[in-house]
Amino acid sequence: MVCVVLSLAAAPPGARASILGEDNRQTDTGQLPWTNAVGYIMRADARNGVLSGIGTAFLVGPRVILTNWHNVFGEDGKFQAGDWVYVPEGAANGRKVRILHQFQFTAVSETDLPLRARTRRKDVIALVLEEPVEYAPLTLAPPGPMDRNAAEIGPARYTMAGVSLTFDYDGATPRTVQSGCSFASLLRNAQFPRAPGLVGHTCDVWPGNSGAPLVDSTGGRWVVRAINVAQVYPELTREAYERRKHAGESIPLDLVNHINIAIPVTNQMADMVRRANAFAAELTGGGTQTAAAQ
């Protein structure tokens, strides 16, 4: 596997415990302009008003963001009540834009719950914002057949940007970027067997990266090909895995029981985004730029 090695010191403090292999993430300092489209979703608890970080989202239109469905509803479909906001700058102290929850676009149905390997491919939701965000939205397009059907580990052509939680899960770290990631086969994976519509990937992830886009460059344009959705640890629980990492154990990549999972972009996903953008444009009474499938 070819991988771009980045400085460990550049990664968020204390964020190495759940990292697959070595931590090759780098704090986003604006080296890739498209990461302006990647932000953070948070909610104020309905009981005490305290803001809590939930996951990563990214712009697919001036007023539309895409993220994992479970960030908003959990694995069992129970809506997490509260005042939800999107933080475009990707930091807890950044500008906050309210999410209009009555305008949700998703393919998840009651029969898909609870979300497991069989239905995890549907774990995507488009949400409409209260007001437009000025950053350019990202474009969606399915990955090529060679990447989607990698027999083991595919070409190192992807970059992932996301906003993770701190080690104590009490806030957001700066947005990070990792390049040189690959799609990987799930055919031999013991914990995600028979997972239709999903693909493994080698980007390093941390809680809060749910919904982070995996992007490649096509003809000089940056295109989202997949969305990070899950972690698979070489243990039954994350806690057991983190204990091994804290003890200083080096745990190499293993396609059988240690890989991260992504949802490849589909034409149905891109259609959902088009419908959400059309709805958002009607709210403002004028035309808006949209992200469309290629």
Foldseek 3Di string as FASTA:
>chain_A
DDFDAADPVQDFPPFALLWAFGARKGFDPCPDQQCLQKAWKWFQQPPHGDIATQAIWGFQFQFKIKFFQCSQQNLARNGRDGFMWIFSQHFPPGDTWTWDVVQKFFDDDNVCPNPDLANRLRRMMMTGTPGTDPRDGAAAAADDPCQVPPPAWDWQFKKWKIWAAHNVSGTIDGIIMTGRKTWGQLPQAPRNHPRPQKIWMNHIDGRRHGQIFIWGADPNGIYGFWGWHFWFAPDPDSVVSSVCVVVVDRDHDDSHTGTTMIGTDDQVNQVSQVVSQVVNCVVVPHDTDGHHYD
